[in-house]
């Protein structure tokens, strides 16, 4: 039985990056992935969905070219089959890059289903297909899967292909006439934005009274209005009670309604993948189906770490990357820990939404005394020059006690590209007076951050 310093179970962002870092540090490492290396993010999530959304953005620009003085008499249409083919090409290139990185760092790769059989004095016994391996340490990075609730008719219509998850929707080669999204979270909104841009009649059914989950309410309200202007219909505060082959049945204020659908996207959340991998054989603690871990990414079992969606904390690929690095650093004896208060998030709709840290509501709920400033992106010359819809805003949250930023929320052009700068300001606890002294390039949209702090 071959022995490794580290066996990584799962080849998604947490798994492959953790394996690369461990291999680079000299640990003899094996990574086991049951599907495709790159995981959900590269194959059926973050990256492929962005190829879709960029095609929609190009189509939107073409169809509004006259607003910028560009003559375009014909309406732009999207070749959905080509979009899928291009997406597949992008995925193939990036997955190849992941494998090349693992190989470069001398990581052994195995395509198989992993199962932890138990623990011996020598380490952990892991079965991969028909082979068995011994590991001194484990990194569990099995990710998450789409939540499939017991809604009448859901299972049957998933099997028929009427209902799709994030996996199947990215392989649609035809644009549905009527497209219904169950769930108004990030994935649901991005796909609603895409399919409304390429010609579908889109309806979103959401149980909450607002879209975009924990996103700052002022921001989510603007996003909803923009998507409604594109033709998306929102049914908020509504509970789905049934799925039929031609539509979705939901309840609003105690009354049943139905919306027609050719295709239905199920997008109500994700759950950690912890079943069927043998965690019970070594006594790893779970809470609500997710692995319990501390800020060093250590579980309750010595030499067993976890990273990524499997811990159910912040289900974002960039969180998984950092968690993997923290886990490997602690394996190597380097003190490191996760700080979940400075993880940015982005919704890649058109317009983009980017957030980091506390909202005004969450800060007050924690008893913090805060100041907030909300200013329009029209304070940015570049934003005005490049947009005709001028409803973007930047809202910042400042801790009055420390005079430091603790949150920022932006909707508008390039928001996802400069939110990291605000994350750094929050993480480093930069005083507002020092932020005022920073020199931002002009003209840029990111100057809005400087404008906002000057309003404090």
Protein backbone atom coordinates (compact mmCIF):
# COMPACT_ATOMS: atom_id res chain seq x y z
CA UNK A 1 0.00 0.00 0.00
CA UNK A 2 1.54 3.28 -1.16
CA UNK A 3 1.95 5.88 1.61
CA UNK A 4 1.49 9.64 1.19
CA UNK A 5 2.18 12.58 3.46
CA UNK A 6 -1.20 13.95 2.41
CA UNK A 7 -4.25 12.60 0.60
CA UNK A 8 -6.69 15.21 -0.66
CA UNK A 9 -10.24 14.00 -1.30
CA UNK A 10 -11.81 16.24 -3.93
CA UNK A 11 -10.25 17.99 -6.91
CA UNK A 12 -12.16 21.27 -6.90
CA UNK A 13 -10.72 24.69 -5.96
CA UNK A 14 -9.96 23.69 -2.34
CA UNK A 15 -8.65 20.28 -3.33
CA UNK A 16 -6.46 21.07 -6.29
CA UNK A 17 -4.98 24.24 -4.80
CA UNK A 18 -4.36 22.52 -1.47
CA UNK A 19 -2.64 19.66 -3.30
CA UNK A 20 -0.53 22.11 -5.32
CA UNK A 21 0.57 24.02 -2.22
CA UNK A 22 1.38 20.80 -0.38
CA UNK A 23 3.31 19.38 -3.33
CA UNK A 24 5.23 22.62 -3.74
CA UNK A 25 6.20 22.44 -0.05
CA UNK A 26 7.62 18.96 -0.53
CA UNK A 27 4.80 16.82 0.84
CA UNK A 28 4.19 13.61 -1.08
CA UNK A 29 0.60 14.26 -2.12
CA UNK A 30 -2.25 12.36 -3.74
CA UNK A 31 -5.47 14.06 -4.87
CA UNK A 32 -8.53 11.95 -5.65
CA UNK A 33 -11.42 13.32 -7.72
CA UNK A 34 -14.48 11.27 -8.70
CA UNK A 35 -15.63 13.52 -11.59
CA UNK A 36 -13.58 16.18 -13.34
CA UNK A 37 -10.57 17.98 -11.89
CA UNK A 38 -11.45 21.60 -11.29
CA UNK A 39 -14.65 20.60 -9.53
CA UNK A 40 -17.96 22.44 -9.77
CA UNK A 41 -16.28 25.84 -10.13
CA UNK A 42 -14.36 25.11 -13.31
CA UNK A 43 -16.74 22.60 -14.88
CA UNK A 44 -20.27 23.63 -14.00
CA UNK A 45 -20.20 26.78 -11.91
CA UNK A 46 -18.10 29.92 -11.61
CA UNK A 47 -16.16 29.88 -14.86
CA UNK A 48 -18.59 28.37 -17.42
CA UNK A 49 -21.41 30.61 -16.20
CA UNK A 50 -19.20 33.63 -16.85
CA UNK A 51 -18.72 32.61 -20.46
CA UNK A 52 -22.51 32.65 -20.79
CA UNK A 53 -22.81 36.01 -19.04
CA UNK A 54 -20.12 37.61 -21.17
CA UNK A 55 -21.95 36.56 -24.35
CA UNK A 56 -25.10 38.17 -22.94
CA UNK A 57 -23.19 41.33 -22.08
CA UNK A 58 -21.85 41.57 -25.64
CA UNK A 59 -25.39 41.12 -26.99
CA UNK A 60 -26.67 43.84 -24.63
CA UNK A 61 -23.97 46.24 -25.82
CA UNK A 62 -24.81 45.50 -29.46
CA UNK A 63 -28.52 46.05 -28.93
CA UNK A 64 -27.91 49.36 -27.18
CA UNK A 65 -25.11 50.53 -29.47
CA UNK A 66 -27.10 53.53 -30.68
CA UNK A 67 -26.91 55.00 -27.17
CA UNK A 68 -23.16 55.31 -27.71
CA UNK A 69 -23.32 56.67 -31.24
CA UNK A 70 -22.68 53.31 -32.91
CA UNK A 71 -25.06 52.45 -35.75
CA UNK A 72 -26.41 48.92 -35.59
CA UNK A 73 -29.61 48.44 -37.55
CA UNK A 74 -30.02 44.69 -36.94
CA UNK A 75 -30.88 43.20 -33.55
CA UNK A 76 -28.09 41.03 -32.15
CA UNK A 77 -29.03 37.40 -31.56
CA UNK A 78 -27.20 34.74 -29.60
CA UNK A 79 -26.17 31.39 -31.10
CA UNK A 80 -26.74 29.28 -27.99
CA UNK A 81 -25.10 26.19 -29.44
CA UNK A 82 -21.93 28.19 -30.15
CA UNK A 83 -22.02 29.71 -26.66
CA UNK A 84 -22.06 26.19 -25.17
CA UNK A 85 -19.25 25.06 -27.48
CA UNK A 86 -17.15 28.07 -26.49
CA UNK A 87 -17.90 27.39 -22.82
CA UNK A 88 -16.71 23.82 -23.25
CA UNK A 89 -13.49 25.05 -24.84
CA UNK A 90 -12.83 27.45 -21.97
CA UNK A 91 -13.49 24.68 -19.42
CA UNK A 92 -11.20 22.25 -21.25
CA UNK A 93 -8.37 24.78 -21.30
CA UNK A 94 -8.67 25.59 -17.59
CA UNK A 95 -9.00 21.96 -16.50
CA UNK A 96 -5.84 21.20 -18.49
CA UNK A 97 -4.16 24.04 -16.62
CA UNK A 98 -5.20 22.58 -13.27
CA UNK A 99 -3.77 19.19 -14.17
CA UNK A 100 -0.56 20.81 -15.42
CA UNK A 101 -0.18 22.69 -12.13
CA UNK A 102 -0.65 19.50 -10.12
CA UNK A 103 1.84 17.66 -12.28
CA UNK A 104 4.37 20.49 -12.00
CA UNK A 105 4.19 20.22 -8.21
CA UNK A 106 4.63 16.43 -8.35
CA UNK A 107 1.12 15.66 -7.13
CA UNK A 108 -0.28 12.22 -7.94
CA UNK A 109 -3.77 12.41 -9.47
CA UNK A 110 -6.39 9.69 -9.28
CA UNK A 111 -9.83 9.73 -10.97
CA UNK A 112 -11.94 7.58 -8.67
CA UNK A 113 -14.45 7.68 -5.86
CA UNK A 114 -12.65 7.98 -2.53
CA UNK A 115 -13.70 6.25 0.67
CA UNK A 116 -12.01 6.49 4.06
CA UNK A 117 -11.92 2.96 5.47
CA UNK A 118 -10.40 3.80 8.83
CA UNK A 119 -7.34 4.75 10.83
CA UNK A 120 -4.28 2.68 11.80
CA UNK A 121 -1.07 3.52 13.62
CA UNK A 122 0.44 4.42 10.26
CA UNK A 123 -2.29 6.83 9.26
CA UNK A 124 -5.57 6.81 7.36
CA UNK A 125 -6.57 4.10 4.90
CA UNK A 126 -8.25 5.54 1.81
CA UNK A 127 -9.75 3.44 -0.95
CA UNK A 128 -9.83 4.89 -4.47
CA UNK A 129 -11.52 2.60 -6.93
CA UNK A 130 -9.86 -0.79 -6.48
CA UNK A 131 -6.71 0.61 -4.89
CA UNK A 132 -5.90 1.46 -1.29
CA UNK A 133 -3.54 4.13 -0.01
CA UNK A 134 -2.18 5.21 3.37
CA UNK A 135 -2.10 8.87 4.39
CA UNK A 136 -0.39 10.60 7.30
CA UNK A 137 -2.85 13.49 6.84
CA UNK A 138 -6.17 14.07 5.11
CA UNK A 139 -7.64 17.18 3.51
CA UNK A 140 -11.37 16.73 2.91
CA UNK A 141 -12.49 18.94 0.02
CA UNK A 142 -15.53 17.16 -1.40
CA UNK A 143 -17.47 20.37 -2.05
CA UNK A 144 -21.23 20.74 -2.27
CA UNK A 145 -24.21 19.74 -4.41
CA UNK A 146 -27.49 21.42 -5.31
CA UNK A 147 -30.24 21.18 -2.71
CA UNK A 148 -33.17 19.14 -4.08
CA UNK A 149 -36.16 19.59 -1.76
CA UNK A 150 -39.17 17.21 -1.64
CA UNK A 151 -41.42 19.33 -3.86
CA UNK A 152 -44.17 17.30 -5.58
CA UNK A 153 -43.20 16.63 -9.20
CA UNK A 154 -39.61 17.84 -8.80
CA UNK A 155 -37.83 14.50 -8.94
CA UNK A 156 -39.82 13.31 -11.95
CA UNK A 157 -39.17 16.50 -13.92
CA UNK A 158 -35.48 16.46 -13.05
CA UNK A 159 -35.33 13.02 -14.65
CA UNK A 160 -37.24 14.29 -17.71
CA UNK A 161 -34.86 17.23 -18.13
CA UNK A 162 -37.55 19.85 -17.60
CA UNK A 163 -35.99 20.89 -14.31
CA UNK A 164 -32.28 21.73 -14.40
CA UNK A 165 -29.62 22.37 -11.78
CA UNK A 166 -26.56 24.56 -12.26
CA UNK A 167 -24.92 21.58 -13.98
CA UNK A 168 -27.46 20.95 -16.73
CA UNK A 169 -28.41 24.57 -17.42
CA UNK A 170 -24.93 25.27 -18.77
CA UNK A 171 -25.39 22.60 -21.43
CA UNK A 172 -28.64 24.01 -22.86
CA UNK A 173 -28.10 24.41 -26.60
CA UNK A 174 -31.51 25.98 -27.24
CA UNK A 175 -32.93 29.11 -25.65
CA UNK A 176 -36.20 28.28 -23.87
CA UNK A 177 -39.17 30.51 -24.61
CA UNK A 178 -40.37 30.49 -20.99
CA UNK A 179 -37.69 30.07 -18.34
CA UNK A 180 -38.55 29.88 -14.64
CA UNK A 181 -35.96 30.19 -11.89
CA UNK A 182 -36.75 28.79 -8.46
CA UNK A 183 -34.63 30.83 -6.08
CA UNK A 184 -33.48 34.43 -6.17
CA UNK A 185 -29.92 33.88 -4.96
CA UNK A 186 -26.66 34.42 -6.85
CA UNK A 187 -26.89 31.49 -9.29
CA UNK A 188 -30.56 32.10 -9.97
CA UNK A 189 -30.07 35.80 -10.64
CA UNK A 190 -27.08 35.28 -12.92
CA UNK A 191 -29.02 32.78 -15.04
CA UNK A 192 -32.10 35.01 -15.00
CA UNK A 193 -29.93 37.86 -16.26
CA UNK A 194 -28.43 35.68 -18.98
CA UNK A 195 -31.59 34.13 -20.35
CA UNK A 196 -33.51 37.43 -20.31
CA UNK A 197 -30.69 38.98 -22.38
CA UNK A 198 -30.74 36.17 -24.96
CA UNK A 199 -34.49 36.12 -25.50
CA UNK A 200 -36.27 34.03 -22.86
CA UNK A 201 -39.28 35.23 -20.91
CA UNK A 202 -37.87 34.84 -17.40
CA UNK A 203 -39.75 34.48 -14.12
CA UNK A 204 -38.12 34.17 -10.70
CA UNK A 205 -39.96 32.61 -7.77
CA UNK A 206 -38.37 33.38 -4.39
CA UNK A 207 -39.56 32.53 -0.88
CA UNK A 208 -37.99 35.63 0.74
CA UNK A 209 -39.33 39.16 0.32
CA UNK A 210 -36.10 40.29 -1.40
CA UNK A 211 -33.61 38.95 -3.90
CA UNK A 212 -29.88 38.25 -3.53
CA UNK A 213 -30.04 36.83 -0.02
CA UNK A 214 -27.86 38.78 2.46
CA UNK A 215 -26.93 41.47 -0.09
CA UNK A 216 -27.43 45.02 1.22
CA UNK A 217 -31.11 45.86 0.63
CA UNK A 218 -30.53 49.17 -1.16
CA UNK A 219 -28.28 47.32 -3.62
CA UNK A 220 -30.63 44.37 -4.15
CA UNK A 221 -33.53 46.77 -4.81
CA UNK A 222 -31.59 48.49 -7.61
CA UNK A 223 -30.61 45.13 -9.10
CA UNK A 224 -34.21 43.94 -9.05
CA UNK A 225 -35.40 47.08 -10.83
CA UNK A 226 -32.69 46.70 -13.50
CA UNK A 227 -33.58 43.06 -14.12
CA UNK A 228 -37.27 43.92 -14.24
CA UNK A 229 -36.45 46.55 -16.88
CA UNK A 230 -34.83 43.74 -18.90
CA UNK A 231 -38.08 41.78 -18.67
CA UNK A 232 -37.56 39.54 -15.65
CA UNK A 233 -40.68 39.01 -13.51
CA UNK A 234 -40.20 38.48 -9.79
CA UNK A 235 -42.62 36.65 -7.52
CA UNK A 236 -41.30 37.33 -4.03
CA UNK A 237 -42.58 35.91 -0.76
CA UNK A 238 -43.82 32.90 -2.69
CA UNK A 239 -43.47 29.21 -1.83
CA UNK A 240 -43.17 26.62 -4.60
CA UNK A 241 -45.69 23.83 -3.95
CA UNK A 242 -45.43 21.77 -7.10
CA UNK A 243 -43.64 21.20 -10.39
CA UNK A 244 -45.42 20.15 -13.56
CA UNK A 245 -44.01 19.43 -16.99
CA UNK A 246 -45.27 22.78 -18.28
CA UNK A 247 -44.74 25.02 -15.28
CA UNK A 248 -44.28 25.85 -11.61
CA UNK A 249 -47.04 26.04 -9.01
CA UNK A 250 -46.49 28.41 -6.11
CA UNK A 251 -48.41 29.92 -3.23
CA UNK A 252 -48.80 33.65 -2.70
CA UNK A 253 -50.72 34.96 0.33
CA UNK A 254 -52.46 31.61 0.73
CA UNK A 255 -53.56 31.43 -2.91
CA UNK A 256 -52.17 29.03 -5.52
CA UNK A 257 -50.76 30.36 -8.82
CA UNK A 258 -48.97 28.81 -11.76
CA UNK A 259 -46.36 30.17 -14.15
CA UNK A 260 -45.68 28.55 -17.51
CA UNK A 261 -42.23 27.12 -18.20
CA UNK A 262 -40.39 25.23 -20.93
CA UNK A 263 -37.36 24.86 -18.66
CA UNK A 264 -37.01 25.34 -14.91
CA UNK A 265 -33.82 26.11 -13.02
CA UNK A 266 -33.67 24.80 -9.46
CA UNK A 267 -31.43 27.18 -7.55
CA UNK A 268 -32.35 27.28 -3.86
CA UNK A 269 -28.96 26.58 -2.34
CA UNK A 270 -26.26 23.97 -1.91
CA UNK A 271 -25.37 21.43 0.76
CA UNK A 272 -22.02 19.98 1.79
CA UNK A 273 -21.09 16.59 0.34
CA UNK A 274 -20.21 14.51 3.40
CA UNK A 275 -22.12 11.28 2.90
CA UNK A 276 -20.60 8.14 1.44
CA UNK A 277 -16.96 9.09 1.95
CA UNK A 278 -16.36 7.29 5.25
CA UNK A 279 -16.09 10.22 7.65
CA UNK A 280 -17.96 8.18 10.26
CA UNK A 281 -15.17 5.59 10.18
CA UNK A 282 -12.71 8.05 11.70
CA UNK A 283 -15.16 10.03 13.85
CA UNK A 284 -15.23 13.39 12.08
CA UNK A 285 -17.87 15.67 13.61
CA UNK A 286 -20.65 17.04 11.43
CA UNK A 287 -23.13 19.82 12.09
CA UNK A 288 -26.20 20.14 9.86
CA UNK A 289 -24.45 17.88 7.38
CA UNK A 290 -21.25 19.93 7.12
CA UNK A 291 -17.83 19.21 8.61
CA UNK A 292 -17.06 21.15 11.78
CA UNK A 293 -13.69 22.92 11.58
CA UNK A 294 -11.87 25.71 13.39
CA UNK A 295 -10.16 28.77 11.91
CA UNK A 296 -7.06 26.65 11.21
CA UNK A 297 -9.25 24.33 9.10
CA UNK A 298 -8.66 21.49 11.57
CA UNK A 299 -11.44 19.02 12.37
CA UNK A 300 -11.90 17.26 15.70
CA UNK A 301 -9.70 14.41 14.43
CA UNK A 302 -5.95 14.97 14.57
CA UNK A 303 -4.31 15.36 11.14
CA UNK A 304 -7.67 15.65 9.37
CA UNK A 305 -8.38 19.03 7.78
CA UNK A 306 -11.14 20.33 5.55
CA UNK A 307 -11.53 23.19 3.09
CA UNK A 308 -14.17 24.52 0.73
CA UNK A 309 -17.93 24.08 0.63
CA UNK A 310 -17.75 20.86 2.66
CA UNK A 311 -17.55 22.92 5.87
CA UNK A 312 -20.67 24.89 4.94
CA UNK A 313 -19.23 28.23 6.04
CA UNK A 314 -18.83 30.51 3.00
CA UNK A 315 -19.54 28.58 -0.18
CA UNK A 316 -17.38 30.55 -2.60
CA UNK A 317 -14.44 29.30 -4.66
CA UNK A 318 -12.09 32.03 -3.46
CA UNK A 319 -12.95 31.13 0.13
CA UNK A 320 -12.04 27.53 -0.70
CA UNK A 321 -8.68 28.61 -2.11
CA UNK A 322 -7.76 30.49 1.04
CA UNK A 323 -9.05 27.75 3.34
CA UNK A 324 -6.87 25.23 1.50
CA UNK A 325 -3.81 27.43 1.96
CA UNK A 326 -4.59 27.86 5.66
CA UNK A 327 -4.98 24.09 6.06
CA UNK A 328 -1.68 23.31 4.34
CA UNK A 329 0.19 26.03 6.22
CA UNK A 330 -0.95 24.58 9.52
CA UNK A 331 0.06 21.08 8.39
CA UNK A 332 3.53 22.51 7.78
CA UNK A 333 3.69 24.14 11.19
CA UNK A 334 3.13 27.65 9.87
CA UNK A 335 0.65 29.59 11.97
CA UNK A 336 -2.27 30.72 9.83
CA UNK A 337 -6.00 31.20 10.24
CA UNK A 338 -9.12 32.09 8.29
CA UNK A 339 -10.74 35.51 8.63
CA UNK A 340 -14.26 35.22 7.29
CA UNK A 341 -15.18 38.88 7.85
CA UNK A 342 -13.21 40.08 4.81
CA UNK A 343 -14.34 37.70 2.08
CA UNK A 344 -15.72 39.61 -0.92
CA UNK A 345 -18.62 38.33 -2.98
CA UNK A 346 -19.71 39.20 -6.51
CA UNK A 347 -22.94 38.71 -8.45
CA UNK A 348 -21.99 38.74 -12.14
CA UNK A 349 -25.25 40.09 -13.48
CA UNK A 350 -25.32 43.13 -15.72
CA UNK A 351 -24.85 45.38 -13.73
CA UNK A 352 -22.40 43.68 -11.36
CA UNK A 353 -22.85 43.64 -7.62
CA UNK A 354 -19.88 43.39 -5.25
CA UNK A 355 -19.90 43.29 -1.46
CA UNK A 356 -17.55 42.77 1.45
CA UNK A 357 -17.94 42.91 5.21
CA UNK A 358 -20.89 44.18 7.21
CA UNK A 359 -24.11 45.62 5.88
CA UNK A 360 -25.76 48.43 7.85
CA UNK A 361 -28.32 45.91 9.11
CA UNK A 362 -25.79 43.23 10.16
CA UNK A 363 -23.56 45.79 11.91
CA UNK A 364 -26.43 47.19 13.96
CA UNK A 365 -27.60 43.66 14.80
CA UNK A 366 -24.15 43.11 16.35
CA UNK A 367 -24.50 46.25 18.43
CA UNK A 368 -21.91 48.24 16.50
CA UNK A 369 -22.23 52.01 16.29
CA UNK A 370 -21.79 52.81 12.62
CA UNK A 371 -21.95 55.57 10.06
CA UNK A 372 -23.06 54.83 6.51
CA UNK A 373 -22.64 56.72 3.29
CA UNK A 374 -24.43 55.88 0.07
CA UNK A 375 -23.42 57.82 -3.02
CA UNK A 376 -24.25 57.42 -6.72
CA UNK A 377 -21.58 56.12 -9.08
CA UNK A 378 -22.13 59.30 -11.07
CA UNK A 379 -19.39 60.72 -8.84
CA UNK A 380 -17.14 58.75 -11.23
CA UNK A 381 -16.46 60.36 -14.59
CA UNK A 382 -15.60 57.04 -16.22
CA UNK A 383 -18.88 55.50 -15.02
CA UNK A 384 -20.88 58.29 -16.68
CA UNK A 385 -18.77 58.06 -19.85
CA UNK A 386 -19.33 54.32 -20.25
CA UNK A 387 -22.96 53.89 -19.13
CA UNK A 388 -26.39 55.11 -20.09
CA UNK A 389 -28.16 53.54 -17.09
CA UNK A 390 -26.82 55.65 -14.24
CA UNK A 391 -28.41 54.02 -11.19
CA UNK A 392 -25.25 52.46 -9.67
CA UNK A 393 -24.31 53.26 -6.10
CA UNK A 394 -21.55 52.66 -3.55
CA UNK A 395 -22.51 52.24 0.09
CA UNK A 396 -19.88 52.04 2.82
CA UNK A 397 -20.21 51.13 6.48
CA UNK A 398 -17.79 52.70 8.99
CA UNK A 399 -17.22 51.69 12.59
CA UNK A 400 -17.46 54.95 14.55
CA UNK A 401 -15.40 53.58 17.44
CA UNK A 402 -12.37 52.74 15.31
CA UNK A 403 -12.98 55.08 12.35
CA UNK A 404 -12.35 52.16 9.99
CA UNK A 405 -14.28 50.62 7.13
CA UNK A 406 -16.16 47.44 8.05
CA UNK A 407 -18.28 47.05 4.91
CA UNK A 408 -18.72 48.17 1.31
CA UNK A 409 -21.45 47.38 -1.21
CA UNK A 410 -21.38 48.42 -4.86
CA UNK A 411 -23.61 47.93 -7.89
CA UNK A 412 -22.22 49.03 -11.23
CA UNK A 413 -19.45 48.68 -13.77
CA UNK A 414 -16.24 46.87 -12.69
CA UNK A 415 -17.52 46.45 -9.11
CA UNK A 416 -16.16 42.93 -8.90
CA UNK A 417 -12.73 44.02 -10.08
CA UNK A 418 -11.98 46.57 -7.37
CA UNK A 419 -13.83 45.18 -4.34
CA UNK A 420 -10.57 43.45 -3.32
CA UNK A 421 -9.03 46.86 -2.60
CA UNK A 422 -11.80 47.56 -0.10
CA UNK A 423 -11.34 44.07 1.36
CA UNK A 424 -7.69 44.92 2.02
CA UNK A 425 -8.67 48.20 3.69
CA UNK A 426 -11.05 46.34 6.01
CA UNK A 427 -8.59 43.52 6.71
CA UNK A 428 -5.75 45.92 7.52
CA UNK A 429 -8.07 48.17 9.55
CA UNK A 430 -6.92 51.24 7.64
CA UNK A 431 -8.07 54.47 9.29
CA UNK A 432 -10.49 56.52 7.18
CA UNK A 433 -8.08 59.48 7.27
CA UNK A 434 -5.38 57.30 5.71
CA UNK A 435 -7.75 56.04 3.00
CA UNK A 436 -8.36 59.68 2.08
CA UNK A 437 -4.63 60.01 1.43
CA UNK A 438 -4.52 57.11 -1.06
CA UNK A 439 -4.08 58.09 -4.72
CA UNK A 440 -6.65 56.42 -6.97
CA UNK A 441 -6.08 56.42 -10.75
CA UNK A 442 -8.31 58.85 -12.65
CA UNK A 443 -10.68 58.42 -14.33
CA UNK A 444 -11.72 55.07 -12.85
CA UNK A 445 -14.88 53.72 -11.29
CA UNK A 446 -12.92 52.64 -8.20
CA UNK A 447 -12.49 56.34 -7.32
CA UNK A 448 -15.99 56.03 -5.90
CA UNK A 449 -14.45 54.53 -2.75
CA UNK A 450 -12.38 57.67 -2.16
CA UNK A 451 -15.42 59.85 -2.84
CA UNK A 452 -17.44 57.85 -0.32
CA UNK A 453 -14.94 58.09 2.51
CA UNK A 454 -14.73 61.84 2.01
CA UNK A 455 -18.44 62.01 2.85
CA UNK A 456 -17.83 60.64 6.37
